[in-house]
Amino acid sequence: LAAQLIVSVALERALKIVIGRPRPGVGGPFLPVSFDAAHNSMPSGH
């Protein structure tokens, strides 16, 4: 439970937003600090 909160909820989500990688089929450059789900490809949360 602790690791879920610290890593899955906080760290992984922060990395997705900061990296801003487009998902397959979206195209275009990375958009760092993006809250758009289409640019939250890296890392895979699942």
ModelCIF file with pLDDT and N, C-alpha, C, O atoms, coordinates in Angstrom:
data_MODEL
#
_entry.id   MODEL 
#
_entity.id                         1 
_entity.type                       polymer 
_entity.pdbx_number_of_molecules   1 
#
_entity_poly.entity_id                      1 
_entity_poly.type                           'polypeptide(L)' 
_entity_poly.nstd_linkage                   no 
_entity_poly.nstd_monomer                   no 
_entity_poly.pdbx_seq_one_letter_code       LAAQLIVSVALERALKIVIGRPRPGVGGPFLPVSFDAAHNSMPSGH 
_entity_poly.pdbx_seq_one_letter_code_can   LAAQLIVSVALERALKIVIGRPRPGVGGPFLPVSFDAAHNSMPSGH 
_entity_poly.pdbx_strand_id                 A 
#
loop_
_entity_poly_seq.entity_id 
_entity_poly_seq.num 
_entity_poly_seq.mon_id 
_entity_poly_seq.hetero 
1 1  LEU n 
1 2  ALA n 
1 3  ALA n 
1 4  GLN n 
1 5  LEU n 
1 6  ILE n 
1 7  VAL n 
1 8  SER n 
1 9  VAL n 
1 10 ALA n 
1 11 LEU n 
1 12 GLU n 
1 13 ARG n 
1 14 ALA n 
1 15 LEU n 
1 16 LYS n 
1 17 ILE n 
1 18 VAL n 
1 19 ILE n 
1 20 GLY n 
1 21 ARG n 
1 22 PRO n 
1 23 ARG n 
1 24 PRO n 
1 25 GLY n 
1 26 VAL n 
1 27 GLY n 
1 28 GLY n 
1 29 PRO n 
1 30 PHE n 
1 31 LEU n 
1 32 PRO n 
1 33 VAL n 
1 34 SER n 
1 35 PHE n 
1 36 ASP n 
1 37 ALA n 
1 38 ALA n 
1 39 HIS n 
1 40 ASN n 
1 41 SER n 
1 42 MET n 
1 43 PRO n 
1 44 SER n 
1 45 GLY n 
1 46 HIS n 
#
_struct_asym.id          A 
_struct_asym.entity_id   1 
#
loop_
_ma_qa_metric.id 
_ma_qa_metric.mode 
_ma_qa_metric.name 
_ma_qa_metric.software_group_id 
_ma_qa_metric.type 
1 global pLDDT . pLDDT 
2 local  pLDDT . pLDDT 
#
_ma_qa_metric_global.metric_id      1 
_ma_qa_metric_global.metric_value   96.52 
_ma_qa_metric_global.model_id       1 
_ma_qa_metric_global.ordinal_id     1 
#
loop_
_ma_qa_metric_local.label_asym_id 
_ma_qa_metric_local.label_comp_id 
_ma_qa_metric_local.label_seq_id 
_ma_qa_metric_local.metric_id 
_ma_qa_metric_local.metric_value 
_ma_qa_metric_local.model_id 
_ma_qa_metric_local.ordinal_id 
A LEU 1  2 98.00 1 1  
A ALA 2  2 98.00 1 2  
A ALA 3  2 98.00 1 3  
A GLN 4  2 97.00 1 4  
A LEU 5  2 97.00 1 5  
A ILE 6  2 98.00 1 6  
A VAL 7  2 98.00 1 7  
A SER 8  2 96.00 1 8  
A VAL 9  2 96.00 1 9  
A ALA 10 2 97.00 1 10 
A LEU 11 2 98.00 1 11 
A GLU 12 2 98.00 1 12 
A ARG 13 2 97.00 1 13 
A ALA 14 2 98.00 1 14 
A LEU 15 2 98.00 1 15 
A LYS 16 2 98.00 1 16 
A ILE 17 2 98.00 1 17 
A VAL 18 2 98.00 1 18 
A ILE 19 2 98.00 1 19 
A GLY 20 2 97.00 1 20 
A ARG 21 2 98.00 1 21 
A PRO 22 2 97.00 1 22 
A ARG 23 2 97.00 1 23 
A PRO 24 2 96.00 1 24 
A GLY 25 2 91.00 1 25 
A VAL 26 2 94.00 1 26 
A GLY 27 2 86.00 1 27 
A GLY 28 2 91.00 1 28 
A PRO 29 2 94.00 1 29 
A PHE 30 2 97.00 1 30 
A LEU 31 2 96.00 1 31 
A PRO 32 2 96.00 1 32 
A VAL 33 2 97.00 1 33 
A SER 34 2 96.00 1 34 
A PHE 35 2 96.00 1 35 
A ASP 36 2 95.00 1 36 
A ALA 37 2 95.00 1 37 
A ALA 38 2 96.00 1 38 
A HIS 39 2 97.00 1 39 
A ASN 40 2 97.00 1 40 
A SER 41 2 97.00 1 41 
A MET 42 2 98.00 1 42 
A PRO 43 2 98.00 1 43 
A SER 44 2 98.00 1 44 
A GLY 45 2 98.00 1 45 
A HIS 46 2 98.00 1 46 
#
loop_
_atom_site.group_PDB 
_atom_site.id 
_atom_site.type_symbol 
_atom_site.label_atom_id 
_atom_site.label_alt_id 
_atom_site.label_comp_id 
_atom_site.label_asym_id 
_atom_site.label_entity_id 
_atom_site.label_seq_id 
_atom_site.pdbx_PDB_ins_code 
_atom_site.Cartn_x 
_atom_site.Cartn_y 
_atom_site.Cartn_z 
_atom_site.occupancy 
_atom_site.B_iso_or_equiv 
_atom_site.pdbx_formal_charge 
_atom_site.auth_seq_id 
_atom_site.auth_comp_id 
_atom_site.auth_asym_id 
_atom_site.auth_atom_id 
_atom_site.pdbx_PDB_model_num 
ATOM 1   N N  . LEU A 1 1  ? 0.829  -1.202 0.000   1.00 98.00 ? 1  LEU A N  1 
ATOM 2   C CA . LEU A 1 1  ? 0.000  0.000  0.000   1.00 98.00 ? 1  LEU A CA 1 
ATOM 3   C C  . LEU A 1 1  ? 0.868  1.258  0.000   1.00 98.00 ? 1  LEU A C  1 
ATOM 4   O O  . LEU A 1 1  ? 0.578  2.217  -0.716  1.00 98.00 ? 1  LEU A O  1 
ATOM 5   N N  . ALA A 1 2  ? 1.914  1.250  0.791   1.00 98.00 ? 2  ALA A N  1 
ATOM 6   C CA . ALA A 1 2  ? 2.817  2.402  0.845   1.00 98.00 ? 2  ALA A CA 1 
ATOM 7   C C  . ALA A 1 2  ? 3.489  2.629  -0.503  1.00 98.00 ? 2  ALA A C  1 
ATOM 8   O O  . ALA A 1 2  ? 3.577  3.760  -0.981  1.00 98.00 ? 2  ALA A O  1 
ATOM 9   N N  . ALA A 1 3  ? 3.966  1.536  -1.117  1.00 98.00 ? 3  ALA A N  1 
ATOM 10  C CA . ALA A 1 3  ? 4.635  1.658  -2.416  1.00 98.00 ? 3  ALA A CA 1 
ATOM 11  C C  . ALA A 1 3  ? 3.675  2.115  -3.500  1.00 98.00 ? 3  ALA A C  1 
ATOM 12  O O  . ALA A 1 3  ? 4.059  2.865  -4.398  1.00 98.00 ? 3  ALA A O  1 
ATOM 13  N N  . GLN A 1 4  ? 2.440  1.672  -3.421  1.00 97.00 ? 4  GLN A N  1 
ATOM 14  C CA . GLN A 1 4  ? 1.444  2.116  -4.391  1.00 97.00 ? 4  GLN A CA 1 
ATOM 15  C C  . GLN A 1 4  ? 1.272  3.633  -4.321  1.00 97.00 ? 4  GLN A C  1 
ATOM 16  O O  . GLN A 1 4  ? 1.233  4.306  -5.351  1.00 97.00 ? 4  GLN A O  1 
ATOM 17  N N  . LEU A 1 5  ? 1.170  4.155  -3.131  1.00 97.00 ? 5  LEU A N  1 
ATOM 18  C CA . LEU A 1 5  ? 0.970  5.596  -2.969  1.00 97.00 ? 5  LEU A CA 1 
ATOM 19  C C  . LEU A 1 5  ? 2.193  6.388  -3.417  1.00 97.00 ? 5  LEU A C  1 
ATOM 20  O O  . LEU A 1 5  ? 2.072  7.402  -4.104  1.00 97.00 ? 5  LEU A O  1 
ATOM 21  N N  . ILE A 1 6  ? 3.367  5.915  -3.021  1.00 98.00 ? 6  ILE A N  1 
ATOM 22  C CA . ILE A 1 6  ? 4.593  6.669  -3.298  1.00 98.00 ? 6  ILE A CA 1 
ATOM 23  C C  . ILE A 1 6  ? 5.022  6.537  -4.755  1.00 98.00 ? 6  ILE A C  1 
ATOM 24  O O  . ILE A 1 6  ? 5.392  7.525  -5.391  1.00 98.00 ? 6  ILE A O  1 
ATOM 25  N N  . VAL A 1 7  ? 4.973  5.318  -5.281  1.00 98.00 ? 7  VAL A N  1 
ATOM 26  C CA . VAL A 1 7  ? 5.521  5.066  -6.614  1.00 98.00 ? 7  VAL A CA 1 
ATOM 27  C C  . VAL A 1 7  ? 4.439  5.136  -7.696  1.00 98.00 ? 7  VAL A C  1 
ATOM 28  O O  . VAL A 1 7  ? 4.578  5.891  -8.659  1.00 98.00 ? 7  VAL A O  1 
ATOM 29  N N  . SER A 1 8  ? 3.361  4.355  -7.545  1.00 96.00 ? 8  SER A N  1 
ATOM 30  C CA . SER A 1 8  ? 2.352  4.299  -8.604  1.00 96.00 ? 8  SER A CA 1 
ATOM 31  C C  . SER A 1 8  ? 1.534  5.579  -8.693  1.00 96.00 ? 8  SER A C  1 
ATOM 32  O O  . SER A 1 8  ? 1.254  6.059  -9.792  1.00 96.00 ? 8  SER A O  1 
ATOM 33  N N  . VAL A 1 9  ? 1.151  6.131  -7.562  1.00 96.00 ? 9  VAL A N  1 
ATOM 34  C CA . VAL A 1 9  ? 0.304  7.325  -7.582  1.00 96.00 ? 9  VAL A CA 1 
ATOM 35  C C  . VAL A 1 9  ? 1.120  8.593  -7.794  1.00 96.00 ? 9  VAL A C  1 
ATOM 36  O O  . VAL A 1 9  ? 0.732  9.456  -8.581  1.00 96.00 ? 9  VAL A O  1 
ATOM 37  N N  . ALA A 1 10 ? 2.241  8.712  -7.101  1.00 97.00 ? 10 ALA A N  1 
ATOM 38  C CA . ALA A 1 10 ? 3.008  9.964  -7.138  1.00 97.00 ? 10 ALA A CA 1 
ATOM 39  C C  . ALA A 1 10 ? 4.114  9.952  -8.188  1.00 97.00 ? 10 ALA A C  1 
ATOM 40  O O  . ALA A 1 10 ? 4.079  10.751 -9.124  1.00 97.00 ? 10 ALA A O  1 
ATOM 41  N N  . LEU A 1 11 ? 5.091  9.062  -8.051  1.00 98.00 ? 11 LEU A N  1 
ATOM 42  C CA . LEU A 1 11 ? 6.263  9.091  -8.919  1.00 98.00 ? 11 LEU A CA 1 
ATOM 43  C C  . LEU A 1 11 ? 5.917  8.812  -10.377 1.00 98.00 ? 11 LEU A C  1 
ATOM 44  O O  . LEU A 1 11 ? 6.296  9.571  -11.268 1.00 98.00 ? 11 LEU A O  1 
ATOM 45  N N  . GLU A 1 12 ? 5.203  7.730  -10.611 1.00 98.00 ? 12 GLU A N  1 
ATOM 46  C CA . GLU A 1 12 ? 4.883  7.363  -12.000 1.00 98.00 ? 12 GLU A CA 1 
ATOM 47  C C  . GLU A 1 12 ? 4.058  8.446  -12.689 1.00 98.00 ? 12 GLU A C  1 
ATOM 48  O O  . GLU A 1 12 ? 4.318  8.779  -13.845 1.00 98.00 ? 12 GLU A O  1 
ATOM 49  N N  . ARG A 1 13 ? 3.069  8.995  -11.992 1.00 97.00 ? 13 ARG A N  1 
ATOM 50  C CA . ARG A 1 13 ? 2.250  10.057 -12.575 1.00 97.00 ? 13 ARG A CA 1 
ATOM 51  C C  . ARG A 1 13 ? 3.085  11.299 -12.849 1.00 97.00 ? 13 ARG A C  1 
ATOM 52  O O  . ARG A 1 13 ? 2.918  11.938 -13.887 1.00 97.00 ? 13 ARG A O  1 
ATOM 53  N N  . ALA A 1 14 ? 3.973  11.644 -11.939 1.00 98.00 ? 14 ALA A N  1 
ATOM 54  C CA . ALA A 1 14 ? 4.824  12.818 -12.141 1.00 98.00 ? 14 ALA A CA 1 
ATOM 55  C C  . ALA A 1 14 ? 5.726  12.630 -13.353 1.00 98.00 ? 14 ALA A C  1 
ATOM 56  O O  . ALA A 1 14 ? 5.918  13.568 -14.126 1.00 98.00 ? 14 ALA A O  1 
ATOM 57  N N  . LEU A 1 15 ? 6.279  11.442 -13.530 1.00 98.00 ? 15 LEU A N  1 
ATOM 58  C CA . LEU A 1 15 ? 7.150  11.183 -14.673 1.00 98.00 ? 15 LEU A CA 1 
ATOM 59  C C  . LEU A 1 15 ? 6.383  11.299 -15.988 1.00 98.00 ? 15 LEU A C  1 
ATOM 60  O O  . LEU A 1 15 ? 6.892  11.876 -16.949 1.00 98.00 ? 15 LEU A O  1 
ATOM 61  N N  . LYS A 1 16 ? 5.170  10.759 -16.042 1.00 98.00 ? 16 LYS A N  1 
ATOM 62  C CA . LYS A 1 16 ? 4.360  10.876 -17.251 1.00 98.00 ? 16 LYS A CA 1 
ATOM 63  C C  . LYS A 1 16 ? 4.179  12.344 -17.647 1.00 98.00 ? 16 LYS A C  1 
ATOM 64  O O  . LYS A 1 16 ? 4.336  12.714 -18.810 1.00 98.00 ? 16 LYS A O  1 
ATOM 65  N N  . ILE A 1 17 ? 3.848  13.161 -16.657 1.00 98.00 ? 17 ILE A N  1 
ATOM 66  C CA . ILE A 1 17 ? 3.575  14.574 -16.926 1.00 98.00 ? 17 ILE A CA 1 
ATOM 67  C C  . ILE A 1 17 ? 4.847  15.299 -17.351 1.00 98.00 ? 17 ILE A C  1 
ATOM 68  O O  . ILE A 1 17 ? 4.843  16.060 -18.319 1.00 98.00 ? 17 ILE A O  1 
ATOM 69  N N  . VAL A 1 18 ? 5.920  15.060 -16.630 1.00 98.00 ? 18 VAL A N  1 
ATOM 70  C CA . VAL A 1 18 ? 7.174  15.775 -16.902 1.00 98.00 ? 18 VAL A CA 1 
ATOM 71  C C  . VAL A 1 18 ? 7.756  15.372 -18.253 1.00 98.00 ? 18 VAL A C  1 
ATOM 72  O O  . VAL A 1 18 ? 8.220  16.233 -19.001 1.00 98.00 ? 18 VAL A O  1 
ATOM 73  N N  . ILE A 1 19 ? 7.740  14.078 -18.581 1.00 98.00 ? 19 ILE A N  1 
ATOM 74  C CA . ILE A 1 19 ? 8.342  13.611 -19.834 1.00 98.00 ? 19 ILE A CA 1 
ATOM 75  C C  . ILE A 1 19 ? 7.516  14.037 -21.045 1.00 98.00 ? 19 ILE A C  1 
ATOM 76  O O  . ILE A 1 19 ? 8.071  14.513 -22.036 1.00 98.00 ? 19 ILE A O  1 
ATOM 77  N N  . GLY A 1 20 ? 6.202  13.872 -20.976 1.00 97.00 ? 20 GLY A N  1 
ATOM 78  C CA . GLY A 1 20 ? 5.322  14.334 -22.046 1.00 97.00 ? 20 GLY A CA 1 
ATOM 79  C C  . GLY A 1 20 ? 5.508  13.629 -23.378 1.00 97.00 ? 20 GLY A C  1 
ATOM 80  O O  . GLY A 1 20 ? 5.454  14.271 -24.426 1.00 97.00 ? 20 GLY A O  1 
ATOM 81  N N  . ARG A 1 21 ? 5.724  12.329 -23.358 1.00 98.00 ? 21 ARG A N  1 
ATOM 82  C CA . ARG A 1 21 ? 5.920  11.606 -24.617 1.00 98.00 ? 21 ARG A CA 1 
ATOM 83  C C  . ARG A 1 21 ? 4.594  11.306 -25.302 1.00 98.00 ? 21 ARG A C  1 
ATOM 84  O O  . ARG A 1 21 ? 3.659  10.850 -24.642 1.00 98.00 ? 21 ARG A O  1 
ATOM 85  N N  . PRO A 1 22 ? 4.484  11.551 -26.617 1.00 97.00 ? 22 PRO A N  1 
ATOM 86  C CA . PRO A 1 22 ? 3.242  11.226 -27.326 1.00 97.00 ? 22 PRO A CA 1 
ATOM 87  C C  . PRO A 1 22 ? 3.043  9.715  -27.436 1.00 97.00 ? 22 PRO A C  1 
ATOM 88  O O  . PRO A 1 22 ? 4.003  8.962  -27.592 1.00 97.00 ? 22 PRO A O  1 
ATOM 89  N N  . ARG A 1 23 ? 1.803  9.291  -27.355 1.00 97.00 ? 23 ARG A N  1 
ATOM 90  C CA . ARG A 1 23 ? 1.487  7.873  -27.498 1.00 97.00 ? 23 ARG A CA 1 
ATOM 91  C C  . ARG A 1 23 ? 1.584  7.454  -28.962 1.00 97.00 ? 23 ARG A C  1 
ATOM 92  O O  . ARG A 1 23 ? 1.607  8.310  -29.846 1.00 97.00 ? 23 ARG A O  1 
ATOM 93  N N  . PRO A 1 24 ? 1.641  6.151  -29.229 1.00 96.00 ? 24 PRO A N  1 
ATOM 94  C CA . PRO A 1 24 ? 1.672  5.692  -30.619 1.00 96.00 ? 24 PRO A CA 1 
ATOM 95  C C  . PRO A 1 24 ? 0.480  6.243  -31.402 1.00 96.00 ? 24 PRO A C  1 
ATOM 96  O O  . PRO A 1 24 ? -0.652 6.221  -30.919 1.00 96.00 ? 24 PRO A O  1 
ATOM 97  N N  . GLY A 1 25 ? 0.740  6.729  -32.594 1.00 91.00 ? 25 GLY A N  1 
ATOM 98  C CA . GLY A 1 25 ? -0.318 7.269  -33.427 1.00 91.00 ? 25 GLY A CA 1 
ATOM 99  C C  . GLY A 1 25 ? -0.588 8.742  -33.220 1.00 91.00 ? 25 GLY A C  1 
ATOM 100 O O  . GLY A 1 25 ? -1.264 9.369  -34.037 1.00 91.00 ? 25 GLY A O  1 
ATOM 101 N N  . VAL A 1 26 ? -0.065 9.312  -32.128 1.00 94.00 ? 26 VAL A N  1 
ATOM 102 C CA . VAL A 1 26 ? -0.292 10.741 -31.868 1.00 94.00 ? 26 VAL A CA 1 
ATOM 103 C C  . VAL A 1 26 ? 0.687  11.589 -32.666 1.00 94.00 ? 26 VAL A C  1 
ATOM 104 O O  . VAL A 1 26 ? 0.309  12.598 -33.263 1.00 94.00 ? 26 VAL A O  1 
ATOM 105 N N  . GLY A 1 27 ? 1.944  11.171 -32.670 1.00 86.00 ? 27 GLY A N  1 
ATOM 106 C CA . GLY A 1 27 ? 2.957  11.883 -33.439 1.00 86.00 ? 27 GLY A CA 1 
ATOM 107 C C  . GLY A 1 27 ? 3.376  13.191 -32.792 1.00 86.00 ? 27 GLY A C  1 
ATOM 108 O O  . GLY A 1 27 ? 2.864  13.580 -31.742 1.00 86.00 ? 27 GLY A O  1 
ATOM 109 N N  . GLY A 1 28 ? 4.309  13.853 -33.435 1.00 91.00 ? 28 GLY A N  1 
ATOM 110 C CA . GLY A 1 28 ? 4.791  15.119 -32.927 1.00 91.00 ? 28 GLY A CA 1 
ATOM 111 C C  . GLY A 1 28 ? 5.873  14.956 -31.888 1.00 91.00 ? 28 GLY A C  1 
ATOM 112 O O  . GLY A 1 28 ? 6.231  13.835 -31.528 1.00 91.00 ? 28 GLY A O  1 
ATOM 113 N N  . PRO A 1 29 ? 6.399  16.069 -31.402 1.00 94.00 ? 29 PRO A N  1 
ATOM 114 C CA . PRO A 1 29 ? 7.496  16.021 -30.432 1.00 94.00 ? 29 PRO A CA 1 
ATOM 115 C C  . PRO A 1 29 ? 7.013  15.743 -29.017 1.00 94.00 ? 29 PRO A C  1 
ATOM 116 O O  . PRO A 1 29 ? 5.811  15.739 -28.752 1.00 94.00 ? 29 PRO A O  1 
ATOM 117 N N  . PHE A 1 30 ? 7.948  15.512 -28.117 1.00 97.00 ? 30 PHE A N  1 
ATOM 118 C CA . PHE A 1 30 ? 7.634  15.415 -26.693 1.00 97.00 ? 30 PHE A CA 1 
ATOM 119 C C  . PHE A 1 30 ? 7.087  16.778 -26.239 1.00 97.00 ? 30 PHE A C  1 
ATOM 120 O O  . PHE A 1 30 ? 7.521  17.824 -26.722 1.00 97.00 ? 30 PHE A O  1 
ATOM 121 N N  . LEU A 1 31 ? 6.147  16.747 -25.319 1.00 96.00 ? 31 LEU A N  1 
ATOM 122 C CA . LEU A 1 31 ? 5.614  17.973 -24.721 1.00 96.00 ? 31 LEU A CA 1 
ATOM 123 C C  . LEU A 1 31 ? 5.812  17.910 -23.214 1.00 96.00 ? 31 LEU A C  1 
ATOM 124 O O  . LEU A 1 31 ? 4.887  17.545 -22.487 1.00 96.00 ? 31 LEU A O  1 
ATOM 125 N N  . PRO A 1 32 ? 7.003  18.258 -22.731 1.00 96.00 ? 32 PRO A N  1 
ATOM 126 C CA . PRO A 1 32 ? 7.275  18.175 -21.289 1.00 96.00 ? 32 PRO A CA 1 
ATOM 127 C C  . PRO A 1 32 ? 6.277  18.993 -20.480 1.00 96.00 ? 32 PRO A C  1 
ATOM 128 O O  . PRO A 1 32 ? 5.803  20.043 -20.914 1.00 96.00 ? 32 PRO A O  1 
ATOM 129 N N  . VAL A 1 33 ? 5.976  18.482 -19.300 1.00 97.00 ? 33 VAL A N  1 
ATOM 130 C CA . VAL A 1 33 ? 5.002  19.072 -18.375 1.00 97.00 ? 33 VAL A CA 1 
ATOM 131 C C  . VAL A 1 33 ? 3.643  19.170 -19.067 1.00 97.00 ? 33 VAL A C  1 
ATOM 132 O O  . VAL A 1 33 ? 3.038  20.240 -19.141 1.00 97.00 ? 33 VAL A O  1 
ATOM 133 N N  . SER A 1 34 ? 3.183  18.029 -19.569 1.00 96.00 ? 34 SER A N  1 
ATOM 134 C CA . SER A 1 34 ? 1.892  17.955 -20.251 1.00 96.00 ? 34 SER A CA 1 
ATOM 135 C C  . SER A 1 34 ? 0.910  17.126 -19.426 1.00 96.00 ? 34 SER A C  1 
ATOM 136 O O  . SER A 1 34 ? 1.249  16.043 -18.948 1.00 96.00 ? 34 SER A O  1 
ATOM 137 N N  . PHE A 1 35 ? -0.306 17.644 -19.262 1.00 96.00 ? 35 PHE A N  1 
ATOM 138 C CA . PHE A 1 35 ? -1.370 16.919 -18.558 1.00 96.00 ? 35 PHE A CA 1 
ATOM 139 C C  . PHE A 1 35 ? -2.308 16.221 -19.543 1.00 96.00 ? 35 PHE A C  1 
ATOM 140 O O  . PHE A 1 35 ? -3.317 15.639 -19.144 1.00 96.00 ? 35 PHE A O  1 
ATOM 141 N N  . ASP A 1 36 ? -1.971 16.282 -20.817 1.00 95.00 ? 36 ASP A N  1 
ATOM 142 C CA . ASP A 1 36 ? -2.761 15.636 -21.857 1.00 95.00 ? 36 ASP A CA 1 
ATOM 143 C C  . ASP A 1 36 ? -2.444 14.144 -21.869 1.00 95.00 ? 36 ASP A C  1 
ATOM 144 O O  . ASP A 1 36 ? -1.282 13.760 -22.006 1.00 95.00 ? 36 ASP A O  1 
ATOM 145 N N  . ALA A 1 37 ? -3.468 13.295 -21.727 1.00 95.00 ? 37 ALA A N  1 
ATOM 146 C CA . ALA A 1 37 ? -3.250 11.846 -21.685 1.00 95.00 ? 37 ALA A CA 1 
ATOM 147 C C  . ALA A 1 37 ? -2.568 11.339 -22.948 1.00 95.00 ? 37 ALA A C  1 
ATOM 148 O O  . ALA A 1 37 ? -1.850 10.341 -22.899 1.00 95.00 ? 37 ALA A O  1 
ATOM 149 N N  . ALA A 1 38 ? -2.779 12.003 -24.068 1.00 96.00 ? 38 ALA A N  1 
ATOM 150 C CA . ALA A 1 38 ? -2.156 11.599 -25.323 1.00 96.00 ? 38 ALA A CA 1 
ATOM 151 C C  . ALA A 1 38 ? -0.644 11.818 -25.304 1.00 96.00 ? 38 ALA A C  1 
ATOM 152 O O  . ALA A 1 38 ? 0.074  11.273 -26.143 1.00 96.00 ? 38 ALA A O  1 
ATOM 153 N N  . HIS A 1 39 ? -0.164 12.606 -24.361 1.00 97.00 ? 39 HIS A N  1 
ATOM 154 C CA . HIS A 1 39 ? 1.272  12.863 -24.223 1.00 97.00 ? 39 HIS A CA 1 
ATOM 155 C C  . HIS A 1 39 ? 1.785  12.388 -22.861 1.00 97.00 ? 39 HIS A C  1 
ATOM 156 O O  . HIS A 1 39 ? 2.708  12.972 -22.293 1.00 97.00 ? 39 HIS A O  1 
ATOM 157 N N  . ASN A 1 40 ? 1.177  11.332 -22.355 1.00 97.00 ? 40 ASN A N  1 
ATOM 158 C CA . ASN A 1 40 ? 1.611  10.724 -21.095 1.00 97.00 ? 40 ASN A CA 1 
ATOM 159 C C  . ASN A 1 40 ? 1.970  9.256  -21.311 1.00 97.00 ? 40 ASN A C  1 
ATOM 160 O O  . ASN A 1 40 ? 1.558  8.391  -20.539 1.00 97.00 ? 40 ASN A O  1 
ATOM 161 N N  . SER A 1 41 ? 2.737  8.982  -22.359 1.00 97.00 ? 41 SER A N  1 
ATOM 162 C CA . SER A 1 41 ? 3.017  7.604  -22.742 1.00 97.00 ? 41 SER A CA 1 
ATOM 163 C C  . SER A 1 41 ? 4.137  6.957  -21.931 1.00 97.00 ? 41 SER A C  1 
ATOM 164 O O  . SER A 1 41 ? 4.115  5.750  -21.691 1.00 97.00 ? 41 SER A O  1 
ATOM 165 N N  . MET A 1 42 ? 5.107  7.751  -21.513 1.00 98.00 ? 42 MET A N  1 
ATOM 166 C CA . MET A 1 42 ? 6.300  7.225  -20.815 1.00 98.00 ? 42 MET A CA 1 
ATOM 167 C C  . MET A 1 42 ? 6.288  7.655  -19.347 1.00 98.00 ? 42 MET A C  1 
ATOM 168 O O  . MET A 1 42 ? 6.198  8.854  -19.079 1.00 98.00 ? 42 MET A O  1 
ATOM 169 N N  . PRO A 1 43 ? 6.372  6.752  -18.408 1.00 98.00 ? 43 PRO A N  1 
ATOM 170 C CA . PRO A 1 43 ? 6.412  5.290  -18.529 1.00 98.00 ? 43 PRO A CA 1 
ATOM 171 C C  . PRO A 1 43 ? 5.001  4.704  -18.565 1.00 98.00 ? 43 PRO A C  1 
ATOM 172 O O  . PRO A 1 43 ? 4.024  5.394  -18.274 1.00 98.00 ? 43 PRO A O  1 
ATOM 173 N N  . SER A 1 44 ? 4.908  3.439  -18.921 1.00 98.00 ? 44 SER A N  1 
ATOM 174 C CA . SER A 1 44 ? 3.617  2.747  -18.911 1.00 98.00 ? 44 SER A CA 1 
ATOM 175 C C  . SER A 1 44 ? 3.154  2.524  -17.472 1.00 98.00 ? 44 SER A C  1 
ATOM 176 O O  . SER A 1 44 ? 3.823  1.848  -16.690 1.00 98.00 ? 44 SER A O  1 
ATOM 177 N N  . GLY A 1 45 ? 2.006  3.099  -17.135 1.00 98.00 ? 45 GLY A N  1 
ATOM 178 C CA . GLY A 1 45 ? 1.477  2.925  -15.788 1.00 98.00 ? 45 GLY A CA 1 
ATOM 179 C C  . GLY A 1 45 ? 1.022  1.499  -15.511 1.00 98.00 ? 45 GLY A C  1 
ATOM 180 O O  . GLY A 1 45 ? 1.214  0.985  -14.409 1.00 98.00 ? 45 GLY A O  1 
ATOM 181 N N  . HIS A 1 46 ? 0.415  0.855  -16.518 1.00 98.00 ? 46 HIS A N  1 
ATOM 182 C CA . HIS A 1 46 ? -0.025 -0.525 -16.329 1.00 98.00 ? 46 HIS A CA 1 
ATOM 183 C C  . HIS A 1 46 ? 1.158  -1.447 -16.030 1.00 98.00 ? 46 HIS A C  1 
ATOM 184 O O  . HIS A 1 46 ? 0.971  -2.649 -15.842 1.00 98.00 ? 46 HIS A O  1 
#
